[in-house]
């Protein structure tokens, strides 16, 4: 990932990372407070200190945001890879429902609805640990509910994409 960036951007990222780590340390925070106190003790103009601290605050905020952006991009890359692996396992595994692959692409509301319908299907069939027929019926009801919600959600997503 770092190799895709221009060399100056890589250097900027390293400076941002080191600076944000340095200024996040409690000793540096105490040092800034002592610096401000010393500034007033020596009688320097407060306007200059205010301007310097404002510039420092803006710069440090940008450095922290830059580091956060890089961490989020890396986390997103790992999430996408993990979902691809899980989808592959779902498709390759006997007995797994292929339609479950890719449900992370659905809207959160659709996934929540899927979860609620699964719970309702289990409760409606009265799954009991000792009765294999009732367990099989509950499992089938769950599979049907999941398949229906996934089908509806993907259909809505296709319609929404088509209207843009």
N, C-alpha and C. Protein backbone atom coordinates (compact mmCIF):
# COMPACT_ATOMS: atom_id res chain seq x y z
N UNK A 1 0.82 -1.19 0.00
CA UNK A 1 0.00 0.00 0.00
C UNK A 1 0.86 1.26 0.00
N UNK A 2 1.90 1.28 0.85
CA UNK A 2 2.76 2.45 0.93
C UNK A 2 3.52 2.67 -0.37
N UNK A 3 3.74 1.61 -1.13
CA UNK A 3 4.49 1.74 -2.37
C UNK A 3 3.69 2.45 -3.44
N UNK A 4 2.35 2.50 -3.31
CA UNK A 4 1.51 3.19 -4.27
C UNK A 4 1.60 4.70 -4.11
N UNK A 5 2.09 5.17 -2.98
CA UNK A 5 2.14 6.60 -2.69
C UNK A 5 3.43 7.20 -3.22
N UNK A 6 3.35 8.46 -3.59
CA UNK A 6 4.52 9.23 -4.00
C UNK A 6 5.48 9.33 -2.83
N UNK A 7 6.75 9.42 -3.10
CA UNK A 7 7.77 9.43 -2.05
C UNK A 7 7.56 10.58 -1.06
N UNK A 8 7.17 11.76 -1.54
CA UNK A 8 6.93 12.89 -0.64
C UNK A 8 5.75 12.62 0.29
N UNK A 9 4.74 11.93 -0.21
CA UNK A 9 3.59 11.58 0.63
C UNK A 9 4.02 10.59 1.69
N UNK A 10 4.88 9.64 1.33
CA UNK A 10 5.38 8.68 2.31
C UNK A 10 6.17 9.40 3.40
N UNK A 11 7.00 10.35 3.02
CA UNK A 11 7.78 11.12 4.00
C UNK A 11 6.84 11.92 4.89
N UNK A 12 5.83 12.55 4.29
CA UNK A 12 4.84 13.30 5.06
C UNK A 12 4.10 12.42 6.04
N UNK A 13 3.76 11.20 5.61
CA UNK A 13 3.09 10.26 6.50
C UNK A 13 3.97 9.91 7.69
N UNK A 14 5.26 9.69 7.44
CA UNK A 14 6.18 9.35 8.52
C UNK A 14 6.33 10.51 9.50
N UNK A 15 6.46 11.73 8.97
CA UNK A 15 6.57 12.92 9.83
C UNK A 15 5.30 13.08 10.65
N UNK A 16 4.13 12.92 10.00
CA UNK A 16 2.85 13.04 10.71
C UNK A 16 2.75 12.00 11.82
N UNK A 17 3.13 10.78 11.51
CA UNK A 17 3.04 9.70 12.50
C UNK A 17 3.94 10.00 13.70
N UNK A 18 5.20 10.36 13.43
CA UNK A 18 6.13 10.64 14.53
C UNK A 18 5.69 11.85 15.35
N UNK A 19 5.24 12.90 14.67
CA UNK A 19 4.83 14.12 15.36
C UNK A 19 3.60 13.89 16.21
N UNK A 20 2.61 13.17 15.65
CA UNK A 20 1.38 12.93 16.42
C UNK A 20 1.67 12.04 17.63
N UNK A 21 2.58 11.07 17.48
CA UNK A 21 2.96 10.24 18.63
C UNK A 21 3.71 11.07 19.67
N UNK A 22 4.59 11.95 19.22
CA UNK A 22 5.36 12.79 20.13
C UNK A 22 4.44 13.72 20.92
N UNK A 23 3.53 14.41 20.24
CA UNK A 23 2.66 15.36 20.92
C UNK A 23 1.56 14.68 21.72
N UNK A 24 1.30 13.41 21.49
CA UNK A 24 0.31 12.69 22.28
C UNK A 24 0.87 12.22 23.62
N UNK A 25 2.19 12.24 23.75
CA UNK A 25 2.82 11.79 24.98
C UNK A 25 2.53 12.79 26.11
N UNK A 26 2.19 12.32 27.30
CA UNK A 26 1.88 13.23 28.43
C UNK A 26 3.02 14.19 28.77
N UNK A 27 4.26 13.75 28.62
CA UNK A 27 5.39 14.63 28.93
C UNK A 27 5.40 15.85 28.00
N UNK A 28 5.02 15.63 26.73
CA UNK A 28 4.99 16.75 25.78
C UNK A 28 3.85 17.70 26.14
N UNK A 29 2.75 17.18 26.60
CA UNK A 29 1.63 18.04 26.99
C UNK A 29 2.02 18.91 28.19
N UNK A 30 2.71 18.31 29.13
CA UNK A 30 3.20 19.09 30.27
C UNK A 30 4.22 20.12 29.80
N UNK A 31 5.07 19.72 28.86
CA UNK A 31 6.05 20.64 28.31
C UNK A 31 5.41 21.85 27.63
N UNK A 32 4.33 21.64 26.90
CA UNK A 32 3.64 22.76 26.24
C UNK A 32 3.04 23.69 27.28
N UNK A 33 2.47 23.12 28.34
CA UNK A 33 1.90 23.96 29.41
C UNK A 33 3.00 24.78 30.08
N UNK A 34 4.12 24.14 30.37
CA UNK A 34 5.25 24.87 30.99
C UNK A 34 5.79 25.95 30.05
N UNK A 35 5.83 25.67 28.75
CA UNK A 35 6.27 26.65 27.76
C UNK A 35 5.36 27.88 27.78
N UNK A 36 4.05 27.64 27.84
CA UNK A 36 3.09 28.75 27.86
C UNK A 36 3.25 29.58 29.13
N UNK A 37 3.43 28.90 30.25
CA UNK A 37 3.64 29.62 31.52
C UNK A 37 4.91 30.45 31.44
N UNK A 38 5.99 29.86 30.93
CA UNK A 38 7.26 30.59 30.80
C UNK A 38 7.09 31.78 29.86
N UNK A 39 6.30 31.64 28.83
CA UNK A 39 6.07 32.73 27.87
C UNK A 39 5.50 33.94 28.60
N UNK A 40 4.53 33.70 29.47
CA UNK A 40 3.92 34.81 30.20
C UNK A 40 4.83 35.35 31.30
N UNK A 41 5.61 34.46 31.93
CA UNK A 41 6.53 34.89 32.98
C UNK A 41 7.57 35.85 32.41
N UNK A 42 8.06 35.57 31.20
CA UNK A 42 9.06 36.43 30.59
C UNK A 42 8.44 37.67 29.95
N UNK A 43 7.13 37.74 29.93
CA UNK A 43 6.45 38.95 29.46
C UNK A 43 6.36 39.10 27.95
N UNK A 44 6.44 38.02 27.20
CA UNK A 44 6.28 38.12 25.75
C UNK A 44 4.83 38.42 25.41
N UNK A 45 4.59 38.90 24.19
CA UNK A 45 3.24 39.25 23.75
C UNK A 45 2.37 37.99 23.61
N UNK A 46 1.18 38.06 24.16
CA UNK A 46 0.26 36.93 24.13
C UNK A 46 -0.27 36.66 22.72
N UNK A 47 -0.33 37.73 21.88
CA UNK A 47 -0.85 37.55 20.52
C UNK A 47 0.00 36.58 19.72
N UNK A 48 1.31 36.69 19.87
CA UNK A 48 2.22 35.81 19.14
C UNK A 48 2.07 34.36 19.61
N UNK A 49 1.94 34.16 20.92
CA UNK A 49 1.74 32.82 21.46
C UNK A 49 0.42 32.24 20.98
N UNK A 50 -0.63 33.05 20.98
CA UNK A 50 -1.95 32.59 20.53
C UNK A 50 -1.88 32.16 19.07
N UNK A 51 -1.23 32.94 18.25
CA UNK A 51 -1.10 32.59 16.83
C UNK A 51 -0.29 31.31 16.65
N UNK A 52 0.80 31.19 17.38
CA UNK A 52 1.64 29.99 17.27
C UNK A 52 0.88 28.74 17.73
N UNK A 53 0.16 28.84 18.83
CA UNK A 53 -0.60 27.70 19.32
C UNK A 53 -1.75 27.33 18.39
N UNK A 54 -2.37 28.33 17.78
CA UNK A 54 -3.44 28.05 16.82
C UNK A 54 -2.91 27.30 15.61
N UNK A 55 -1.79 27.75 15.09
CA UNK A 55 -1.17 27.07 13.94
C UNK A 55 -0.75 25.66 14.33
N UNK A 56 -0.17 25.51 15.51
CA UNK A 56 0.25 24.20 15.99
C UNK A 56 -0.96 23.27 16.15
N UNK A 57 -2.05 23.78 16.68
CA UNK A 57 -3.25 22.95 16.87
C UNK A 57 -3.82 22.49 15.53
N UNK A 58 -3.89 23.37 14.58
CA UNK A 58 -4.41 23.01 13.25
C UNK A 58 -3.50 21.98 12.59
N UNK A 59 -2.20 22.21 12.67
CA UNK A 59 -1.24 21.29 12.06
C UNK A 59 -1.31 19.91 12.71
N UNK A 60 -1.35 19.87 14.02
CA UNK A 60 -1.42 18.58 14.72
C UNK A 60 -2.74 17.85 14.41
N UNK A 61 -3.82 18.60 14.32
CA UNK A 61 -5.10 17.98 13.97
C UNK A 61 -5.02 17.33 12.60
N UNK A 62 -4.44 18.02 11.64
CA UNK A 62 -4.29 17.45 10.29
C UNK A 62 -3.39 16.22 10.30
N UNK A 63 -2.35 16.25 11.10
CA UNK A 63 -1.46 15.09 11.19
C UNK A 63 -2.17 13.88 11.78
N UNK A 64 -2.96 14.11 12.82
CA UNK A 64 -3.71 13.01 13.44
C UNK A 64 -4.74 12.46 12.45
N UNK A 65 -5.44 13.34 11.77
CA UNK A 65 -6.43 12.91 10.78
C UNK A 65 -5.79 12.13 9.64
N UNK A 66 -4.60 12.54 9.23
CA UNK A 66 -3.87 11.82 8.18
C UNK A 66 -3.56 10.40 8.63
N UNK A 67 -3.08 10.25 9.85
CA UNK A 67 -2.80 8.91 10.38
C UNK A 67 -4.06 8.07 10.52
N UNK A 68 -5.14 8.70 10.96
CA UNK A 68 -6.41 7.99 11.11
C UNK A 68 -6.92 7.52 9.75
N UNK A 69 -6.79 8.35 8.74
CA UNK A 69 -7.23 7.98 7.39
C UNK A 69 -6.45 6.75 6.90
N UNK A 70 -5.15 6.74 7.12
CA UNK A 70 -4.34 5.59 6.70
C UNK A 70 -4.74 4.32 7.44
N UNK A 71 -4.99 4.43 8.76
CA UNK A 71 -5.40 3.26 9.53
C UNK A 71 -6.77 2.75 9.06
N UNK A 72 -7.70 3.66 8.77
CA UNK A 72 -9.02 3.24 8.30
C UNK A 72 -8.94 2.60 6.92
N UNK A 73 -8.09 3.10 6.05
CA UNK A 73 -7.93 2.51 4.73
C UNK A 73 -7.37 1.09 4.85
N UNK A 74 -6.42 0.90 5.74
CA UNK A 74 -5.85 -0.43 5.96
C UNK A 74 -6.89 -1.38 6.56
N UNK A 75 -7.66 -0.89 7.52
CA UNK A 75 -8.71 -1.71 8.13
C UNK A 75 -9.77 -2.09 7.10
N UNK A 76 -10.11 -1.16 6.23
CA UNK A 76 -11.10 -1.46 5.18
C UNK A 76 -10.56 -2.53 4.23
N UNK A 77 -9.31 -2.43 3.88
CA UNK A 77 -8.70 -3.43 3.00
C UNK A 77 -8.75 -4.81 3.64
N UNK A 78 -8.45 -4.88 4.93
CA UNK A 78 -8.50 -6.16 5.64
C UNK A 78 -9.93 -6.69 5.72
N UNK A 79 -10.90 -5.81 5.95
CA UNK A 79 -12.30 -6.22 6.01
C UNK A 79 -12.77 -6.80 4.68
N UNK A 80 -12.41 -6.15 3.59
CA UNK A 80 -12.80 -6.64 2.27
C UNK A 80 -12.18 -8.01 2.01
N UNK A 81 -10.93 -8.18 2.38
CA UNK A 81 -10.26 -9.47 2.19
C UNK A 81 -10.92 -10.55 3.05
N UNK A 82 -11.27 -10.21 4.28
CA UNK A 82 -11.91 -11.18 5.17
C UNK A 82 -13.27 -11.60 4.61
N UNK A 83 -14.04 -10.65 4.10
CA UNK A 83 -15.34 -10.99 3.53
C UNK A 83 -15.19 -11.86 2.29
N UNK A 84 -14.18 -11.59 1.49
CA UNK A 84 -13.94 -12.43 0.31
C UNK A 84 -13.61 -13.86 0.73
N UNK A 85 -12.82 -14.01 1.77
CA UNK A 85 -12.47 -15.34 2.27
C UNK A 85 -13.72 -16.06 2.80
N UNK A 86 -14.52 -15.36 3.58
CA UNK A 86 -15.73 -15.96 4.13
C UNK A 86 -16.71 -16.35 3.01
N UNK A 87 -16.84 -15.47 2.01
CA UNK A 87 -17.72 -15.78 0.88
C UNK A 87 -17.24 -17.03 0.16
N UNK A 88 -15.94 -17.15 -0.01
CA UNK A 88 -15.37 -18.33 -0.66
C UNK A 88 -15.69 -19.58 0.14
N UNK A 89 -15.56 -19.51 1.46
CA UNK A 89 -15.88 -20.66 2.31
C UNK A 89 -17.36 -21.02 2.23
N UNK A 90 -18.21 -20.00 2.23
CA UNK A 90 -19.65 -20.27 2.12
C UNK A 90 -20.00 -20.97 0.82
N UNK A 91 -19.40 -20.52 -0.28
CA UNK A 91 -19.69 -21.10 -1.58
C UNK A 91 -19.11 -22.51 -1.67
N UNK A 92 -17.93 -22.74 -1.10
CA UNK A 92 -17.25 -24.02 -1.24
C UNK A 92 -17.78 -25.08 -0.28
N UNK A 93 -18.38 -24.67 0.82
CA UNK A 93 -18.78 -25.62 1.85
C UNK A 93 -20.11 -26.29 1.51
N UNK A 94 -20.12 -27.60 1.61
CA UNK A 94 -21.36 -28.35 1.38
C UNK A 94 -22.36 -28.00 2.47
N UNK A 95 -23.59 -27.79 2.07
CA UNK A 95 -24.64 -27.51 3.03
C UNK A 95 -24.79 -26.03 3.36
N UNK A 96 -23.80 -25.23 3.01
CA UNK A 96 -23.91 -23.79 3.27
C UNK A 96 -24.77 -23.16 2.18
N UNK A 97 -25.50 -22.13 2.55
CA UNK A 97 -26.35 -21.45 1.58
C UNK A 97 -25.55 -20.37 0.87
N UNK A 98 -25.42 -20.52 -0.44
CA UNK A 98 -24.63 -19.58 -1.23
C UNK A 98 -25.17 -18.15 -1.15
N UNK A 99 -26.48 -18.01 -0.94
CA UNK A 99 -27.06 -16.66 -0.92
C UNK A 99 -26.59 -15.85 0.28
N UNK A 100 -26.01 -16.51 1.28
CA UNK A 100 -25.48 -15.78 2.43
C UNK A 100 -24.17 -15.06 2.08
N UNK A 101 -23.52 -15.52 1.03
CA UNK A 101 -22.27 -14.86 0.60
C UNK A 101 -22.61 -13.45 0.13
N UNK A 102 -21.92 -12.49 0.65
CA UNK A 102 -22.08 -11.11 0.20
C UNK A 102 -23.15 -10.31 0.91
N UNK A 103 -23.75 -10.83 1.98
CA UNK A 103 -24.81 -10.06 2.63
C UNK A 103 -24.27 -8.80 3.32
N UNK A 104 -22.95 -8.72 3.52
CA UNK A 104 -22.40 -7.51 4.12
C UNK A 104 -22.57 -6.30 3.22
N UNK A 105 -22.88 -6.54 1.95
CA UNK A 105 -23.12 -5.44 1.01
C UNK A 105 -24.52 -4.86 1.17
N UNK A 106 -25.39 -5.56 1.88
CA UNK A 106 -26.75 -5.07 2.08
C UNK A 106 -26.73 -3.89 3.05
N UNK A 107 -27.82 -3.12 3.03
CA UNK A 107 -27.95 -2.03 3.98
C UNK A 107 -28.10 -2.60 5.38
N UNK A 108 -27.71 -1.81 6.36
CA UNK A 108 -27.79 -2.27 7.74
C UNK A 108 -29.22 -2.63 8.12
N UNK A 109 -30.18 -1.86 7.62
CA UNK A 109 -31.58 -2.14 7.91
C UNK A 109 -31.98 -3.52 7.39
N UNK A 110 -31.49 -3.88 6.20
CA UNK A 110 -31.81 -5.18 5.61
C UNK A 110 -31.21 -6.32 6.42
N UNK A 111 -29.99 -6.12 6.89
CA UNK A 111 -29.33 -7.15 7.70
C UNK A 111 -30.07 -7.30 9.04
N UNK A 112 -30.48 -6.17 9.63
CA UNK A 112 -31.25 -6.23 10.87
C UNK A 112 -32.57 -6.93 10.65
N UNK A 113 -33.22 -6.62 9.53
CA UNK A 113 -34.49 -7.28 9.20
C UNK A 113 -34.27 -8.79 9.03
N UNK A 114 -33.18 -9.15 8.37
CA UNK A 114 -32.85 -10.56 8.18
C UNK A 114 -32.70 -11.25 9.53
N UNK A 115 -31.98 -10.61 10.43
CA UNK A 115 -31.76 -11.18 11.75
C UNK A 115 -33.08 -11.35 12.51
N UNK A 116 -33.94 -10.34 12.44
CA UNK A 116 -35.23 -10.41 13.13
C UNK A 116 -36.12 -11.51 12.53
N UNK A 117 -36.12 -11.64 11.22
CA UNK A 117 -36.94 -12.67 10.59
C UNK A 117 -36.43 -14.07 10.95
N UNK A 118 -35.13 -14.20 11.06
CA UNK A 118 -34.56 -15.49 11.45
C UNK A 118 -35.01 -15.84 12.87
N UNK A 119 -34.94 -14.85 13.78
CA UNK A 119 -35.38 -15.10 15.15
C UNK A 119 -36.86 -15.46 15.19
N UNK A 120 -37.67 -14.74 14.43
CA UNK A 120 -39.11 -15.02 14.40
C UNK A 120 -39.39 -16.41 13.85
N UNK A 121 -38.65 -16.81 12.81
CA UNK A 121 -38.86 -18.14 12.22
C UNK A 121 -38.52 -19.23 13.21
N UNK A 122 -37.46 -19.03 13.97
CA UNK A 122 -37.08 -20.02 14.97
C UNK A 122 -38.15 -20.11 16.06
N UNK A 123 -38.60 -18.95 16.53
CA UNK A 123 -39.62 -18.94 17.58
C UNK A 123 -40.94 -19.53 17.08
N UNK A 124 -41.30 -19.23 15.83
CA UNK A 124 -42.56 -19.72 15.28
C UNK A 124 -42.57 -21.24 15.16
N UNK A 125 -41.45 -21.82 14.86
CA UNK A 125 -41.37 -23.28 14.72
C UNK A 125 -41.14 -23.97 16.06
N UNK A 126 -40.91 -23.20 17.10
CA UNK A 126 -40.76 -23.77 18.44
C UNK A 126 -39.64 -24.79 18.52
N UNK A 127 -38.44 -24.35 18.15
CA UNK A 127 -37.31 -25.27 18.15
C UNK A 127 -37.10 -25.86 19.55
N UNK A 128 -37.07 -27.17 19.61
CA UNK A 128 -36.84 -27.86 20.88
C UNK A 128 -35.64 -28.79 20.71
N UNK A 129 -34.82 -28.84 21.72
CA UNK A 129 -33.57 -29.61 21.63
C UNK A 129 -33.81 -31.10 21.45
N UNK A 130 -34.90 -31.65 21.97
CA UNK A 130 -35.10 -33.09 21.92
C UNK A 130 -35.84 -33.59 20.69
N UNK A 131 -36.38 -32.71 19.87
CA UNK A 131 -37.22 -33.15 18.76
C UNK A 131 -36.55 -32.82 17.43
N UNK A 132 -35.97 -33.82 16.75
CA UNK A 132 -35.27 -33.58 15.48
C UNK A 132 -36.18 -33.03 14.39
N UNK A 133 -37.45 -33.46 14.35
CA UNK A 133 -38.36 -32.95 13.32
C UNK A 133 -38.60 -31.46 13.47
N UNK A 134 -38.82 -31.04 14.70
CA UNK A 134 -39.05 -29.62 14.92
C UNK A 134 -37.80 -28.79 14.64
N UNK A 135 -36.64 -29.33 14.97
CA UNK A 135 -35.38 -28.63 14.63
C UNK A 135 -35.22 -28.49 13.14
N UNK A 136 -35.52 -29.55 12.40
CA UNK A 136 -35.41 -29.51 10.94
C UNK A 136 -36.41 -28.52 10.36
N UNK A 137 -37.61 -28.49 10.91
CA UNK A 137 -38.62 -27.54 10.43
C UNK A 137 -38.19 -26.10 10.73
N UNK A 138 -37.62 -25.88 11.91
CA UNK A 138 -37.14 -24.54 12.27
C UNK A 138 -35.99 -24.12 11.36
N UNK A 139 -35.09 -25.05 11.10
CA UNK A 139 -33.95 -24.74 10.23
C UNK A 139 -34.44 -24.39 8.83
N UNK A 140 -35.40 -25.13 8.32
CA UNK A 140 -35.93 -24.86 6.99
C UNK A 140 -36.62 -23.49 6.97
N UNK A 141 -37.37 -23.17 8.02
CA UNK A 141 -38.04 -21.87 8.10
C UNK A 141 -37.03 -20.73 8.13
N UNK A 142 -35.96 -20.94 8.87
CA UNK A 142 -34.90 -19.93 8.93
C UNK A 142 -34.28 -19.74 7.55
N UNK A 143 -33.97 -20.82 6.88
CA UNK A 143 -33.38 -20.73 5.54
C UNK A 143 -34.30 -20.02 4.57
N UNK A 144 -35.59 -20.32 4.63
CA UNK A 144 -36.55 -19.66 3.74
C UNK A 144 -36.65 -18.17 4.05
N UNK A 145 -36.68 -17.82 5.33
CA UNK A 145 -36.77 -16.41 5.72
C UNK A 145 -35.52 -15.65 5.28
N UNK A 146 -34.36 -16.25 5.49
CA UNK A 146 -33.11 -15.60 5.07
C UNK A 146 -33.08 -15.40 3.58
N UNK A 147 -33.44 -16.42 2.84
CA UNK A 147 -33.41 -16.33 1.38
C UNK A 147 -34.35 -15.25 0.89
N UNK A 148 -35.52 -15.14 1.49
CA UNK A 148 -36.50 -14.13 1.07
C UNK A 148 -36.01 -12.72 1.37
N UNK A 149 -35.46 -12.50 2.56
CA UNK A 149 -34.97 -11.17 2.92
C UNK A 149 -33.81 -10.78 2.02
N UNK A 150 -32.91 -11.70 1.78
CA UNK A 150 -31.75 -11.41 0.92
C UNK A 150 -32.23 -11.07 -0.49
N UNK A 151 -33.14 -11.86 -0.99
CA UNK A 151 -33.68 -11.62 -2.34
C UNK A 151 -34.33 -10.24 -2.42
N UNK A 152 -35.17 -9.91 -1.44
CA UNK A 152 -35.84 -8.60 -1.44
C UNK A 152 -34.83 -7.46 -1.32
N UNK A 153 -33.86 -7.61 -0.45
CA UNK A 153 -32.87 -6.54 -0.24
C UNK A 153 -32.04 -6.32 -1.50
N UNK A 154 -31.62 -7.39 -2.12
CA UNK A 154 -30.82 -7.25 -3.35
C UNK A 154 -31.65 -6.65 -4.47
N UNK A 155 -32.93 -6.99 -4.52
CA UNK A 155 -33.82 -6.44 -5.53
C UNK A 155 -33.98 -4.93 -5.32
N UNK A 156 -34.17 -4.51 -4.05
CA UNK A 156 -34.27 -3.08 -3.75
C UNK A 156 -32.98 -2.36 -4.09
N UNK A 157 -31.85 -3.01 -3.82
CA UNK A 157 -30.57 -2.37 -4.11
C UNK A 157 -30.39 -2.19 -5.62
N UNK A 158 -30.80 -3.18 -6.41
CA UNK A 158 -30.71 -3.06 -7.86
C UNK A 158 -31.60 -1.94 -8.36
N UNK A 159 -32.80 -1.83 -7.81
CA UNK A 159 -33.72 -0.76 -8.21
C UNK A 159 -33.14 0.59 -7.84
N UNK A 160 -32.57 0.69 -6.63
CA UNK A 160 -31.99 1.97 -6.19
C UNK A 160 -30.81 2.36 -7.05
N UNK A 161 -29.99 1.42 -7.41
CA UNK A 161 -28.82 1.71 -8.26
C UNK A 161 -29.29 2.10 -9.66
N UNK A 162 -30.33 1.46 -10.15
CA UNK A 162 -30.84 1.75 -11.48
C UNK A 162 -31.50 3.10 -11.60
N UNK A 163 -31.99 3.67 -10.49
CA UNK A 163 -32.65 4.97 -10.53
C UNK A 163 -31.70 6.13 -10.40
N UNK A 164 -30.45 5.87 -10.14
CA UNK A 164 -29.47 6.97 -9.99
C UNK A 164 -29.07 7.54 -11.31
